[in-house]
PDB file of N, CA and C in Angstrom:
ATOM      1  N   ILE A   1     -24.905  99.402 116.568  1.00  0.00           N
ATOM      2  CA  ILE A   1     -24.606  98.241 115.758  1.00  0.00           C
ATOM      3  C   ILE A   1     -23.478  97.492 116.478  1.00  0.00           C
ATOM      4  N   ASP A   2     -23.804  96.388 117.058  1.00  0.00           N
ATOM      5  CA  ASP A   2     -22.866  95.600 117.854  1.00  0.00           C
ATOM      6  C   ASP A   2     -22.181  94.570 116.953  1.00  0.00           C
ATOM      7  N   SER A   3     -20.906  94.793 116.678  1.00  0.00           N
ATOM      8  CA  SER A   3     -20.132  93.864 115.851  1.00  0.00           C
ATOM      9  C   SER A   3     -18.769  93.635 116.488  1.00  0.00           C
ATOM     10  N   VAL A   4     -18.792  93.280 117.763  1.00  0.00           N
ATOM     11  CA  VAL A   4     -17.554  93.173 118.530  1.00  0.00           C
ATOM     12  C   VAL A   4     -16.959  91.768 118.533  1.00  0.00           C
ATOM     13  N   TYR A   5     -17.592  90.848 117.871  1.00  0.00           N
ATOM     14  CA  TYR A   5     -17.158  89.448 117.954  1.00  0.00           C
ATOM     15  C   TYR A   5     -16.000  89.100 117.035  1.00  0.00           C
ATOM     16  N   ASN A   6     -15.718  89.934 116.037  1.00  0.00           N
ATOM     17  CA  ASN A   6     -14.655  89.608 115.100  1.00  0.00           C
ATOM     18  C   ASN A   6     -14.366  90.826 114.235  1.00  0.00           C
ATOM     19  N   ALA A   7     -13.161  90.883 113.650  1.00  0.00           N
ATOM     20  CA  ALA A   7     -12.854  92.007 112.764  1.00  0.00           C
ATOM     21  C   ALA A   7     -11.733  91.644 111.811  1.00  0.00           C
ATOM     22  N   SER A   8     -11.870  92.151 110.614  1.00  0.00           N
ATOM     23  CA  SER A   8     -10.823  92.132 109.603  1.00  0.00           C
ATOM     24  C   SER A   8     -10.942  93.474 108.892  1.00  0.00           C
ATOM     25  N   VAL A   9      -9.990  93.800 108.064  1.00  0.00           N
ATOM     26  CA  VAL A   9     -10.073  95.061 107.325  1.00  0.00           C
ATOM     27  C   VAL A   9     -11.352  95.072 106.484  1.00  0.00           C
ATOM     28  N   ASP A  10     -11.612  93.983 105.778  1.00  0.00           N
ATOM     29  CA  ASP A  10     -12.798  93.931 104.917  1.00  0.00           C
ATOM     30  C   ASP A  10     -14.093  94.041 105.706  1.00  0.00           C
ATOM     31  N   SER A  11     -14.182  93.358 106.849  1.00  0.00           N
ATOM     32  CA  SER A  11     -15.427  93.428 107.625  1.00  0.00           C
ATOM     33  C   SER A  11     -15.616  94.801 108.258  1.00  0.00           C
ATOM     34  N   MET A  12     -14.531  95.451 108.635  1.00  0.00           N
ATOM     35  CA  MET A  12     -14.617  96.820 109.167  1.00  0.00           C
ATOM     36  C   MET A  12     -15.137  97.761 108.088  1.00  0.00           C
ATOM     37  N   ARG A  13     -14.577  97.649 106.896  1.00  0.00           N
ATOM     38  CA  ARG A  13     -14.969  98.530 105.798  1.00  0.00           C
ATOM     39  C   ARG A  13     -16.436  98.292 105.431  1.00  0.00           C
ATOM     40  N   ALA A  14     -16.874  97.042 105.422  1.00  0.00           N
ATOM     41  CA  ALA A  14     -18.272  96.727 105.119  1.00  0.00           C
ATOM     42  C   ALA A  14     -19.200  97.281 106.192  1.00  0.00           C
ATOM     43  N   ALA A  15     -18.810  97.152 107.451  1.00  0.00           N
ATOM     44  CA  ALA A  15     -19.636  97.664 108.550  1.00  0.00           C
ATOM     45  C   ALA A  15     -19.765  99.186 108.475  1.00  0.00           C
ATOM     46  N   LEU A  16     -18.703  99.856 108.074  1.00  0.00           N
ATOM     47  CA  LEU A  16     -18.747 101.318 107.943  1.00  0.00           C
ATOM     48  C   LEU A  16     -19.705 101.739 106.830  1.00  0.00           C
ATOM     49  N   LYS A  17     -19.772 100.958 105.771  1.00  0.00           N
ATOM     50  CA  LYS A  17     -20.725 101.260 104.694  1.00  0.00           C
ATOM     51  C   LYS A  17     -22.159 101.097 105.184  1.00  0.00           C
ATOM     52  N   VAL A  18     -22.403 100.098 106.028  1.00  0.00           N
ATOM     53  CA  VAL A  18     -23.731  99.933 106.624  1.00  0.00           C
ATOM     54  C   VAL A  18     -24.045 101.136 107.512  1.00  0.00           C
ATOM     55  N   LEU A  19     -23.096 101.543 108.338  1.00  0.00           N
ATOM     56  CA  LEU A  19     -23.288 102.711 109.208  1.00  0.00           C
ATOM     57  C   LEU A  19     -23.673 103.935 108.393  1.00  0.00           C
ATOM     58  N   ASN A  20     -23.037 104.109 107.259  1.00  0.00           N
ATOM     59  CA  ASN A  20     -23.262 105.291 106.434  1.00  0.00           C
ATOM     60  C   ASN A  20     -24.700 105.393 105.916  1.00  0.00           C
ATOM     61  N   ARG A  21     -25.431 104.309 105.902  1.00  0.00           N
ATOM     62  CA  ARG A  21     -26.813 104.320 105.407  1.00  0.00           C
ATOM     63  C   ARG A  21     -27.782 105.011 106.367  1.00  0.00           C
ATOM     64  N   TYR A  22     -27.391 105.185 107.600  1.00  0.00           N
ATOM     65  CA  TYR A  22     -28.271 105.796 108.596  1.00  0.00           C
ATOM     66  C   TYR A  22     -28.327 107.299 108.393  1.00  0.00           C
ATOM     67  N   LYS A  23     -29.459 107.880 108.748  1.00  0.00           N
ATOM     68  CA  LYS A  23     -29.676 109.320 108.547  1.00  0.00           C
ATOM     69  C   LYS A  23     -29.238 110.155 109.752  1.00  0.00           C
ATOM     70  N   THR A  24     -29.060 109.524 110.903  1.00  0.00           N
ATOM     71  CA  THR A  24     -28.661 110.235 112.115  1.00  0.00           C
ATOM     72  C   THR A  24     -27.150 110.494 112.096  1.00  0.00           C
ATOM     73  N   ARG A  25     -26.657 111.157 113.133  1.00  0.00           N
ATOM     74  CA  ARG A  25     -25.208 111.337 113.270  1.00  0.00           C
ATOM     75  C   ARG A  25     -24.585 109.962 113.477  1.00  0.00           C
ATOM     76  N   LYS A  26     -23.548 109.673 112.721  1.00  0.00           N
ATOM     77  CA  LYS A  26     -22.952 108.346 112.706  1.00  0.00           C
ATOM     78  C   LYS A  26     -21.629 108.351 113.470  1.00  0.00           C
ATOM     79  N   VAL A  27     -21.528 107.457 114.462  1.00  0.00           N
ATOM     80  CA  VAL A  27     -20.327 107.343 115.288  1.00  0.00           C
ATOM     81  C   VAL A  27     -19.734 105.949 115.104  1.00  0.00           C
ATOM     82  N   ALA A  28     -18.462 105.884 114.761  1.00  0.00           N
ATOM     83  CA  ALA A  28     -17.755 104.612 114.635  1.00  0.00           C
ATOM     84  C   ALA A  28     -16.790 104.467 115.801  1.00  0.00           C
ATOM     85  N   ILE A  29     -17.067 103.482 116.655  1.00  0.00           N
ATOM     86  CA  ILE A  29     -16.153 103.134 117.738  1.00  0.00           C
ATOM     87  C   ILE A  29     -15.409 101.893 117.257  1.00  0.00           C
ATOM     88  N   LEU A  30     -14.138 102.072 116.930  1.00  0.00           N
ATOM     89  CA  LEU A  30     -13.359 101.028 116.268  1.00  0.00           C
ATOM     90  C   LEU A  30     -12.117 100.691 117.078  1.00  0.00           C
ATOM     91  N   GLY A  31     -11.913  99.401 117.308  1.00  0.00           N
ATOM     92  CA  GLY A  31     -10.737  98.955 118.048  1.00  0.00           C
ATOM     93  C   GLY A  31      -9.742  98.267 117.147  1.00  0.00           C
ATOM     94  N   ASP A  32      -8.686  97.789 117.762  1.00  0.00           N
ATOM     95  CA  ASP A  32      -7.621  97.109 117.035  1.00  0.00           C
ATOM     96  C   ASP A  32      -8.142  95.880 116.289  1.00  0.00           C
ATOM     97  N   ILE A  33      -7.521  95.634 115.137  1.00  0.00           N
ATOM     98  CA  ILE A  33      -7.714  94.394 114.395  1.00  0.00           C
ATOM     99  C   ILE A  33      -6.452  93.573 114.659  1.00  0.00           C
ATOM    100  N   PHE A  34      -6.615  92.421 115.271  1.00  0.00           N
ATOM    101  CA  PHE A  34      -5.459  91.614 115.661  1.00  0.00           C
ATOM    102  C   PHE A  34      -4.990  90.703 114.530  1.00  0.00           C
ATOM    103  N   GLU A  35      -3.809  90.122 114.754  1.00  0.00           N
ATOM    104  CA  GLU A  35      -3.237  89.090 113.899  1.00  0.00           C
ATOM    105  C   GLU A  35      -3.040  89.549 112.455  1.00  0.00           C
ATOM    106  N   MET A  36      -2.548  90.775 112.296  1.00  0.00           N
ATOM    107  CA  MET A  36      -2.323  91.299 110.954  1.00  0.00           C
ATOM    108  C   MET A  36      -0.842  91.384 110.595  1.00  0.00           C
ATOM    109  N   GLY A  37       0.015  91.132 111.560  1.00  0.00           N
ATOM    110  CA  GLY A  37       1.446  91.135 111.293  1.00  0.00           C
ATOM    111  C   GLY A  37       1.929  92.434 110.682  1.00  0.00           C
ATOM    112  N   SER A  38       2.735  92.334 109.629  1.00  0.00           N
ATOM    113  CA  SER A  38       3.332  93.517 109.020  1.00  0.00           C
ATOM    114  C   SER A  38       2.312  94.388 108.279  1.00  0.00           C
ATOM    115  N   PHE A  39       1.101  93.888 108.077  1.00  0.00           N
ATOM    116  CA  PHE A  39       0.047  94.641 107.396  1.00  0.00           C
ATOM    117  C   PHE A  39      -0.766  95.501 108.377  1.00  0.00           C
ATOM    118  N   ALA A  40      -0.445  95.443 109.664  1.00  0.00           N
ATOM    119  CA  ALA A  40      -1.251  96.123 110.689  1.00  0.00           C
ATOM    120  C   ALA A  40      -1.393  97.620 110.429  1.00  0.00           C
ATOM    121  N   GLU A  41      -0.294  98.305 110.186  1.00  0.00           N
ATOM    122  CA  GLU A  41      -0.381  99.750 109.977  1.00  0.00           C
ATOM    123  C   GLU A  41      -1.208 100.073 108.739  1.00  0.00           C
ATOM    124  N   GLU A  42      -0.891  99.442 107.618  1.00  0.00           N
ATOM    125  CA  GLU A  42      -1.606  99.721 106.376  1.00  0.00           C
ATOM    126  C   GLU A  42      -3.087  99.351 106.476  1.00  0.00           C
ATOM    127  N   GLY A  43      -3.386  98.235 107.087  1.00  0.00           N
ATOM    128  CA  GLY A  43      -4.777  97.814 107.236  1.00  0.00           C
ATOM    129  C   GLY A  43      -5.594  98.785 108.069  1.00  0.00           C
ATOM    130  N   HIS A  44      -5.032  99.224 109.170  1.00  0.00           N
ATOM    131  CA  HIS A  44      -5.732 100.195 110.018  1.00  0.00           C
ATOM    132  C   HIS A  44      -5.890 101.537 109.293  1.00  0.00           C
ATOM    133  N   LYS A  45      -4.914 101.907 108.489  1.00  0.00           N
ATOM    134  CA  LYS A  45      -5.034 103.145 107.706  1.00  0.00           C
ATOM    135  C   LYS A  45      -6.168 103.035 106.692  1.00  0.00           C
ATOM    136  N   GLN A  46      -6.316 101.873 106.050  1.00  0.00           N
ATOM    137  CA  GLN A  46      -7.428 101.676 105.115  1.00  0.00           C
ATOM    138  C   GLN A  46      -8.767 101.858 105.830  1.00  0.00           C
ATOM    139  N   VAL A  47      -8.863 101.305 107.023  1.00  0.00           N
ATOM    140  CA  VAL A  47     -10.085 101.457 107.818  1.00  0.00           C
ATOM    141  C   VAL A  47     -10.298 102.928 108.172  1.00  0.00           C
ATOM    142  N   GLY A  48      -9.238 103.629 108.521  1.00  0.00           N
ATOM    143  CA  GLY A  48      -9.336 105.045 108.857  1.00  0.00           C
ATOM    144  C   GLY A  48      -9.840 105.886 107.697  1.00  0.00           C
ATOM    145  N   LYS A  49      -9.367 105.573 106.498  1.00  0.00           N
ATOM    146  CA  LYS A  49      -9.837 106.291 105.306  1.00  0.00           C
ATOM    147  C   LYS A  49     -11.331 106.052 105.114  1.00  0.00           C
ATOM    148  N   ASP A  50     -11.747 104.801 105.178  1.00  0.00           N
ATOM    149  CA  ASP A  50     -13.171 104.488 105.017  1.00  0.00           C
ATOM    150  C   ASP A  50     -14.006 105.099 106.137  1.00  0.00           C
ATOM    151  N   ALA A  51     -13.479 105.086 107.347  1.00  0.00           N
ATOM    152  CA  ALA A  51     -14.210 105.666 108.471  1.00  0.00           C
ATOM    153  C   ALA A  51     -14.427 107.161 108.245  1.00  0.00           C
ATOM    154  N   SER A  52     -13.417 107.838 107.721  1.00  0.00           N
ATOM    155  CA  SER A  52     -13.553 109.280 107.486  1.00  0.00           C
ATOM    156  C   SER A  52     -14.609 109.585 106.429  1.00  0.00           C
ATOM    157  N   GLU A  53     -14.874 108.632 105.557  1.00  0.00           N
ATOM    158  CA  GLU A  53     -15.851 108.816 104.487  1.00  0.00           C
ATOM    159  C   GLU A  53     -17.259 108.364 104.868  1.00  0.00           C
ATOM    160  N   ASN A  54     -17.372 107.576 105.941  1.00  0.00           N
ATOM    161  CA  ASN A  54     -18.664 106.969 106.274  1.00  0.00           C
ATOM    162  C   ASN A  54     -19.200 107.310 107.660  1.00  0.00           C
ATOM    163  N   ALA A  55     -18.402 107.941 108.487  1.00  0.00           N
ATOM    164  CA  ALA A  55     -18.825 108.273 109.853  1.00  0.00           C
ATOM    165  C   ALA A  55     -18.647 109.768 110.092  1.00  0.00           C
ATOM    166  N   ASP A  56     -19.451 110.296 110.985  1.00  0.00           N
ATOM    167  CA  ASP A  56     -19.326 111.697 111.381  1.00  0.00           C
ATOM    168  C   ASP A  56     -18.329 111.861 112.523  1.00  0.00           C
ATOM    169  N   VAL A  57     -18.235 110.828 113.367  1.00  0.00           N
ATOM    170  CA  VAL A  57     -17.351 110.842 114.530  1.00  0.00           C
ATOM    171  C   VAL A  57     -16.644 109.499 114.590  1.00  0.00           C
ATOM    172  N   ILE A  58     -15.343 109.527 114.889  1.00  0.00           N
ATOM    173  CA  ILE A  58     -14.567 108.302 115.052  1.00  0.00           C
ATOM    174  C   ILE A  58     -13.979 108.279 116.450  1.00  0.00           C
ATOM    175  N   ILE A  59     -14.158 107.153 117.112  1.00  0.00           N
ATOM    176  CA  ILE A  59     -13.516 106.896 118.397  1.00  0.00           C
ATOM    177  C   ILE A  59     -12.689 105.630 118.198  1.00  0.00           C
ATOM    178  N   ALA A  60     -11.379 105.776 118.130  1.00  0.00           N
ATOM    179  CA  ALA A  60     -10.476 104.647 117.922  1.00  0.00           C
ATOM    180  C   ALA A  60      -9.907 104.230 119.275  1.00  0.00           C
ATOM    181  N   ILE A  61      -9.887 102.913 119.506  1.00  0.00           N
ATOM    182  CA  ILE A  61      -9.434 102.383 120.797  1.00  0.00           C
ATOM    183  C   ILE A  61      -8.355 101.328 120.555  1.00  0.00           C
ATOM    184  N   GLY A  62      -7.192 101.537 121.154  1.00  0.00           N
ATOM    185  CA  GLY A  62      -6.124 100.549 121.081  1.00  0.00           C
ATOM    186  C   GLY A  62      -4.870 101.098 120.423  1.00  0.00           C
ATOM    187  N   LYS A  63      -3.821 100.290 120.486  1.00  0.00           N
ATOM    188  CA  LYS A  63      -2.518 100.702 119.968  1.00  0.00           C
ATOM    189  C   LYS A  63      -2.544 100.894 118.453  1.00  0.00           C
ATOM    190  N   ASP A  64      -2.933  99.872 117.724  1.00  0.00           N
ATOM    191  CA  ASP A  64      -2.950  99.976 116.263  1.00  0.00           C
ATOM    192  C   ASP A  64      -4.083 100.863 115.757  1.00  0.00           C
ATOM    193  N   ALA A  65      -5.132 100.997 116.543  1.00  0.00           N
ATOM    194  CA  ALA A  65      -6.257 101.848 116.134  1.00  0.00           C
ATOM    195  C   ALA A  65      -5.844 103.312 116.022  1.00  0.00           C
ATOM    196  N   GLU A  66      -4.700 103.660 116.582  1.00  0.00           N
ATOM    197  CA  GLU A  66      -4.214 105.034 116.414  1.00  0.00           C
ATOM    198  C   GLU A  66      -4.004 105.351 114.932  1.00  0.00           C
ATOM    199  N   PHE A  67      -3.661 104.337 114.143  1.00  0.00           N
ATOM    200  CA  PHE A  67      -3.513 104.550 112.692  1.00  0.00           C
ATOM    201  C   PHE A  67      -4.862 104.900 112.051  1.00  0.00           C
ATOM    202  N   ILE A  68      -5.957 104.389 112.623  1.00  0.00           N
ATOM    203  CA  ILE A  68      -7.293 104.730 112.125  1.00  0.00           C
ATOM    204  C   ILE A  68      -7.527 106.228 112.297  1.00  0.00           C
ATOM    205  N   SER A  69      -7.284 106.717 113.493  1.00  0.00           N
ATOM    206  CA  SER A  69      -7.536 108.133 113.766  1.00  0.00           C
ATOM    207  C   SER A  69      -6.587 109.031 112.973  1.00  0.00           C
ATOM    208  N   LYS A  70      -5.333 108.647 112.865  1.00  0.00           N
ATOM    209  CA  LYS A  70      -4.372 109.462 112.104  1.00  0.00           C
ATOM    210  C   LYS A  70      -4.761 109.547 110.634  1.00  0.00           C
ATOM    211  N   GLU A  71      -5.197 108.426 110.065  1.00  0.00           N
ATOM    212  CA  GLU A  71      -5.570 108.423 108.648  1.00  0.00           C
ATOM    213  C   GLU A  71      -6.838 109.238 108.419  1.00  0.00           C
ATOM    214  N   ALA A  72      -7.771 109.180 109.356  1.00  0.00           N
ATOM    215  CA  ALA A  72      -8.994 109.994 109.240  1.00  0.00           C
ATOM    216  C   ALA A  72      -8.627 111.473 109.206  1.00  0.00           C
ATOM    217  N   LEU A  73      -7.701 111.878 110.037  1.00  0.00           N
ATOM    218  CA  LEU A  73      -7.252 113.272 110.043  1.00  0.00           C
ATOM    219  C   LEU A  73      -6.531 113.612 108.740  1.00  0.00           C
ATOM    220  N   GLU A  74      -5.745 112.678 108.212  1.00  0.00           N
ATOM    221  CA  GLU A  74      -5.062 112.881 106.931  1.00  0.00           C
ATOM    222  C   GLU A  74      -6.074 113.076 105.799  1.00  0.00           C
ATOM    223  N   ASN A  75      -7.255 112.495 105.961  1.00  0.00           N
ATOM    224  CA  ASN A  75      -8.315 112.614 104.956  1.00  0.00           C
ATOM    225  C   ASN A  75      -9.234 113.798 105.255  1.00  0.00           C
ATOM    226  N   ASN A  76      -8.684 114.767 105.977  1.00  0.00           N
ATOM    227  CA  ASN A  76      -9.353 116.043 106.250  1.00  0.00           C
ATOM    228  C   ASN A  76     -10.609 115.944 107.098  1.00  0.00           C
ATOM    229  N   MET A  77     -10.698 114.921 107.931  1.00  0.00           N
ATOM    230  CA  MET A  77     -11.801 114.868 108.876  1.00  0.00           C
ATOM    231  C   MET A  77     -11.524 115.885 109.975  1.00  0.00           C
ATOM    232  N   ASN A  78     -12.567 116.549 110.440  1.00  0.00           N
ATOM    233  CA  ASN A  78     -12.449 117.562 111.480  1.00  0.00           C
ATOM    234  C   ASN A  78     -11.853 116.951 112.743  1.00  0.00           C
ATOM    235  N   LYS A  79     -10.764 117.535 113.246  1.00  0.00           N
ATOM    236  CA  LYS A  79     -10.084 116.965 114.420  1.00  0.00           C
ATOM    237  C   LYS A  79     -10.970 116.920 115.656  1.00  0.00           C
ATOM    238  N   GLU A  80     -12.003 117.751 115.686  1.00  0.00           N
ATOM    239  CA  GLU A  80     -12.943 117.726 116.817  1.00  0.00           C
ATOM    240  C   GLU A  80     -13.751 116.430 116.837  1.00  0.00           C
ATOM    241  N   ASN A  81     -13.815 115.748 115.691  1.00  0.00           N
ATOM    242  CA  ASN A  81     -14.632 114.543 115.559  1.00  0.00           C
ATOM    243  C   ASN A  81     -13.817 113.264 115.496  1.00  0.00           C
ATOM    244  N   VAL A  82     -12.523 113.355 115.759  1.00  0.00           N
ATOM    245  CA  VAL A  82     -11.656 112.182 115.735  1.00  0.00           C
ATOM    246  C   VAL A  82     -10.991 112.050 117.102  1.00  0.00           C
ATOM    247  N   HIS A  83     -11.164 110.882 117.701  1.00  0.00           N
ATOM    248  CA  HIS A  83     -10.652 110.652 119.055  1.00  0.00           C
ATOM    249  C   HIS A  83      -9.897 109.331 119.079  1.00  0.00           C
ATOM    250  N   HIS A  84      -8.800 109.298 119.813  1.00  0.00           N
ATOM    251  CA  HIS A  84      -8.075 108.050 120.032  1.00  0.00           C
ATOM    252  C   HIS A  84      -7.845 107.868 121.517  1.00  0.00           C
ATOM    253  N   PHE A  85      -8.108 106.647 121.980  1.00  0.00           N
ATOM    254  CA  PHE A  85      -7.878 106.309 123.380  1.00  0.00           C
ATOM    255  C   PHE A  85      -7.093 105.001 123.436  1.00  0.00           C
ATOM    256  N   ALA A  86      -6.178 104.911 124.371  1.00  0.00           N
ATOM    257  CA  ALA A  86      -5.356 103.708 124.507  1.00  0.00           C
ATOM    258  C   ALA A  86      -6.183 102.521 124.991  1.00  0.00           C
ATOM    259  N   THR A  87      -7.172 102.793 125.847  1.00  0.00           N
ATOM    260  CA  THR A  87      -7.972 101.707 126.434  1.00  0.00           C
ATOM    261  C   THR A  87      -9.459 101.994 126.319  1.00  0.00           C
ATOM    262  N   LYS A  88     -10.248 100.941 126.397  1.00  0.00           N
ATOM    263  CA  LYS A  88     -11.708 101.105 126.361  1.00  0.00           C
ATOM    264  C   LYS A  88     -12.198 101.849 127.600  1.00  0.00           C
ATOM    265  N   GLU A  89     -11.526 101.658 128.722  1.00  0.00           N
ATOM    266  CA  GLU A  89     -11.920 102.364 129.946  1.00  0.00           C
ATOM    267  C   GLU A  89     -11.760 103.873 129.780  1.00  0.00           C
ATOM    268  N   GLU A  90     -10.644 104.272 129.196  1.00  0.00           N
ATOM    269  CA  GLU A  90     -10.401 105.694 128.940  1.00  0.00           C
ATOM    270  C   GLU A  90     -11.455 106.248 127.977  1.00  0.00           C
ATOM    271  N   ALA A  91     -11.776 105.486 126.946  1.00  0.00           N
ATOM    272  CA  ALA A  91     -12.794 105.920 125.989  1.00  0.00           C
ATOM    273  C   ALA A  91     -14.141 106.095 126.684  1.00  0.00           C
ATOM    274  N   MET A  92     -14.546 105.117 127.478  1.00  0.00           N
ATOM    275  CA  MET A  92     -15.856 105.181 128.140  1.00  0.00           C
ATOM    276  C   MET A  92     -15.959 106.383 129.075  1.00  0.00           C
ATOM    277  N   GLU A  93     -14.848 106.749 129.707  1.00  0.00           N
ATOM    278  CA  GLU A  93     -14.834 107.924 130.578  1.00  0.00           C
ATOM    279  C   GLU A  93     -15.126 109.204 129.792  1.00  0.00           C
ATOM    280  N   ASN A  94     -14.833 109.201 128.506  1.00  0.00           N
ATOM    281  CA  ASN A  94     -14.994 110.395 127.679  1.00  0.00           C
ATOM    282  C   ASN A  94     -16.255 110.402 126.816  1.00  0.00           C
ATOM    283  N   PHE A  95     -17.009 109.317 126.822  1.00  0.00           N
ATOM    284  CA  PHE A  95     -18.208 109.237 125.981  1.00  0.00           C
ATOM    285  C   PHE A  95     -19.177 110.390 126.237  1.00  0.00           C
ATOM    286  N   LYS A  96     -19.325 110.785 127.500  1.00  0.00           N
ATOM    287  CA  LYS A  96     -20.307 111.838 127.825  1.00  0.00           C
ATOM    288  C   LYS A  96     -19.990 113.151 127.109  1.00  0.00           C
ATOM    289  N   ASP A  97     -18.714 113.361 126.773  1.00  0.00           N
ATOM    290  CA  ASP A  97     -18.306 114.585 126.076  1.00  0.00           C
ATOM    291  C   ASP A  97     -18.346 114.445 124.555  1.00  0.00           C
ATOM    292  N   ILE A  98     -18.548 113.223 124.069  1.00  0.00           N
ATOM    293  CA  ILE A  98     -18.487 112.973 122.625  1.00  0.00           C
ATOM    294  C   ILE A  98     -19.842 112.568 122.050  1.00  0.00           C
ATOM    295  N   LEU A  99     -20.486 111.627 122.699  1.00  0.00           N
ATOM    296  CA  LEU A  99     -21.728 111.057 122.161  1.00  0.00           C
ATOM    297  C   LEU A  99     -22.928 111.954 122.432  1.00  0.00           C
ATOM    298  N   GLN A 100     -23.909 111.861 121.538  1.00  0.00           N
ATOM    299  CA  GLN A 100     -25.137 112.645 121.668  1.00  0.00           C
ATOM    300  C   GLN A 100     -26.341 111.716 121.567  1.00  0.00           C
ATOM    301  N   LYS A 101     -27.420 112.133 122.205  1.00  0.00           N
ATOM    302  CA  LYS A 101     -28.664 111.376 122.110  1.00  0.00           C
ATOM    303  C   LYS A 101     -29.070 111.298 120.638  1.00  0.00           C
ATOM    304  N   GLY A 102     -29.463 110.119 120.205  1.00  0.00           N
ATOM    305  CA  GLY A 102     -29.894 109.940 118.828  1.00  0.00           C
ATOM    306  C   GLY A 102     -28.793 109.479 117.880  1.00  0.00           C
ATOM    307  N   ASP A 103     -27.546 109.393 118.348  1.00  0.00           N
ATOM    308  CA  ASP A 103     -26.461 108.910 117.502  1.00  0.00           C
ATOM    309  C   ASP A 103     -26.694 107.453 117.102  1.00  0.00           C
ATOM    310  N   THR A 104     -26.297 107.107 115.891  1.00  0.00           N
ATOM    311  CA  THR A 104     -26.191 105.702 115.500  1.00  0.00           C
ATOM    312  C   THR A 104     -24.736 105.322 115.703  1.00  0.00           C
ATOM    313  N   ILE A 105     -24.507 104.266 116.475  1.00  0.00           N
ATOM    314  CA  ILE A 105     -23.150 103.921 116.887  1.00  0.00           C
ATOM    315  C   ILE A 105     -22.798 102.517 116.413  1.00  0.00           C
ATOM    316  N   LEU A 106     -21.689 102.415 115.712  1.00  0.00           N
ATOM    317  CA  LEU A 106     -21.105 101.127 115.336  1.00  0.00           C
ATOM    318  C   LEU A 106     -19.972 100.841 116.307  1.00  0.00           C
ATOM    319  N   VAL A 107     -19.954  99.633 116.880  1.00  0.00           N
ATOM    320  CA  VAL A 107     -18.850  99.206 117.737  1.00  0.00           C
ATOM    321  C   VAL A 107     -18.267  97.951 117.101  1.00  0.00           C
ATOM    322  N   LYS A 108     -16.990  98.041 116.687  1.00  0.00           N
ATOM    323  CA  LYS A 108     -16.375  96.904 115.979  1.00  0.00           C
ATOM    324  C   LYS A 108     -14.887  96.833 116.293  1.00  0.00           C
ATOM    325  N   ALA A 109     -14.428  95.614 116.544  1.00  0.00           N
ATOM    326  CA  ALA A 109     -13.011  95.358 116.821  1.00  0.00           C
ATOM    327  C   ALA A 109     -12.797  93.851 116.852  1.00  0.00           C
ATOM    328  N   SER A 110     -11.545  93.460 116.921  1.00  0.00           N
ATOM    329  CA  SER A 110     -11.239  92.054 117.132  1.00  0.00           C
ATOM    330  C   SER A 110     -11.769  91.624 118.498  1.00  0.00           C
ATOM    331  N   ARG A 111     -12.149  90.381 118.591  1.00  0.00           N
ATOM    332  CA  ARG A 111     -12.757  89.833 119.807  1.00  0.00           C
ATOM    333  C   ARG A 111     -11.880  90.086 121.037  1.00  0.00           C
ATOM    334  N   GLY A 112     -10.587  90.016 120.866  1.00  0.00           N
ATOM    335  CA  GLY A 112      -9.667  90.188 121.989  1.00  0.00           C
ATOM    336  C   GLY A 112      -9.667  91.577 122.607  1.00  0.00           C
ATOM    337  N   MET A 113     -10.284  92.537 121.947  1.00  0.00           N
ATOM    338  CA  MET A 113     -10.387  93.894 122.507  1.00  0.00           C
ATOM    339  C   MET A 113     -11.466  93.975 123.589  1.00  0.00           C
ATOM    340  N   HIS A 114     -12.359  93.001 123.630  1.00  0.00           N
ATOM    341  CA  HIS A 114     -13.432  92.936 124.634  1.00  0.00           C
ATOM    342  C   HIS A 114     -14.317  94.189 124.617  1.00  0.00           C
ATOM    343  N   LEU A 115     -14.648  94.658 123.426  1.00  0.00           N
ATOM    344  CA  LEU A 115     -15.488  95.855 123.333  1.00  0.00           C
ATOM    345  C   LEU A 115     -16.958  95.576 123.638  1.00  0.00           C
ATOM    346  N   GLU A 116     -17.288  94.322 123.965  1.00  0.00           N
ATOM    347  CA  GLU A 116     -18.648  94.061 124.457  1.00  0.00           C
ATOM    348  C   GLU A 116     -18.898  94.865 125.732  1.00  0.00           C
ATOM    349  N   GLU A 117     -17.845  95.180 126.465  1.00  0.00           N
ATOM    350  CA  GLU A 117     -17.969  96.020 127.653  1.00  0.00           C
ATOM    351  C   GLU A 117     -18.409  97.426 127.271  1.00  0.00           C
ATOM    352  N   VAL A 118     -17.966  97.911 126.124  1.00  0.00           N
ATOM    353  CA  VAL A 118     -18.393  99.214 125.617  1.00  0.00           C
ATOM    354  C   VAL A 118     -19.875  99.147 125.251  1.00  0.00           C
ATOM    355  N   VAL A 119     -20.274  98.076 124.584  1.00  0.00           N
ATOM    356  CA  VAL A 119     -21.694  97.914 124.213  1.00  0.00           C
ATOM    357  C   VAL A 119     -22.559  97.883 125.462  1.00  0.00           C
ATOM    358  N   GLU A 120     -22.151  97.136 126.465  1.00  0.00           N
ATOM    359  CA  GLU A 120     -22.907  97.064 127.733  1.00  0.00           C
ATOM    360  C   GLU A 120     -23.006  98.451 128.365  1.00  0.00           C
ATOM    361  N   PHE A 121     -21.912  99.188 128.362  1.00  0.00           N
ATOM    362  CA  PHE A 121     -21.889 100.544 128.916  1.00  0.00           C
ATOM    363  C   PHE A 121     -22.857 101.449 128.165  1.00  0.00           C
ATOM    364  N   LEU A 122     -22.851 101.359 126.847  1.00  0.00           N
ATOM    365  CA  LEU A 122     -23.732 102.206 126.029  1.00  0.00           C
ATOM    366  C   LEU A 122     -25.201 101.860 126.230  1.00  0.00           C
ATOM    367  N   ASN A 123     -25.483 100.604 126.517  1.00  0.00           N
ATOM    368  CA  ASN A 123     -26.875 100.164 126.693  1.00  0.00           C
ATOM    369  C   ASN A 123     -27.456 100.563 128.044  1.00  0.00           C
ATOM    370  N   LYS A 124     -26.630 101.060 128.940  1.00  0.00           N
ATOM    371  CA  LYS A 124     -27.129 101.474 130.264  1.00  0.00           C
ATOM    372  C   LYS A 124     -27.792 102.826 130.202  1.00  0.00           C
TER     373      LYS A 124
END
């Protein structure tokens, strides 16, 4: 599910609910949501809570996305299924150890994260 063109807390949460409808293993690759100011930490935590309830695996990418992964762990998600990477390049290097054939994958972040590169990588 390619949704890399824009992101807000509400759109992230809605996309995670769509992901949850799939019957396969669900992977959420989520990047930073920009332009949130003082709400950045709380907003990313809200996304992390929803991600822990709607995805089987979380791959968080970016500085603020670390709050997504931390909140997922706080919500008792298995630490083996929660990953945080500072950059998309670092994440892509680790996909072979995380992703499985048949996974349904959501990729969503603010446009400035350039996660279309992740989508292109996954499509190869």
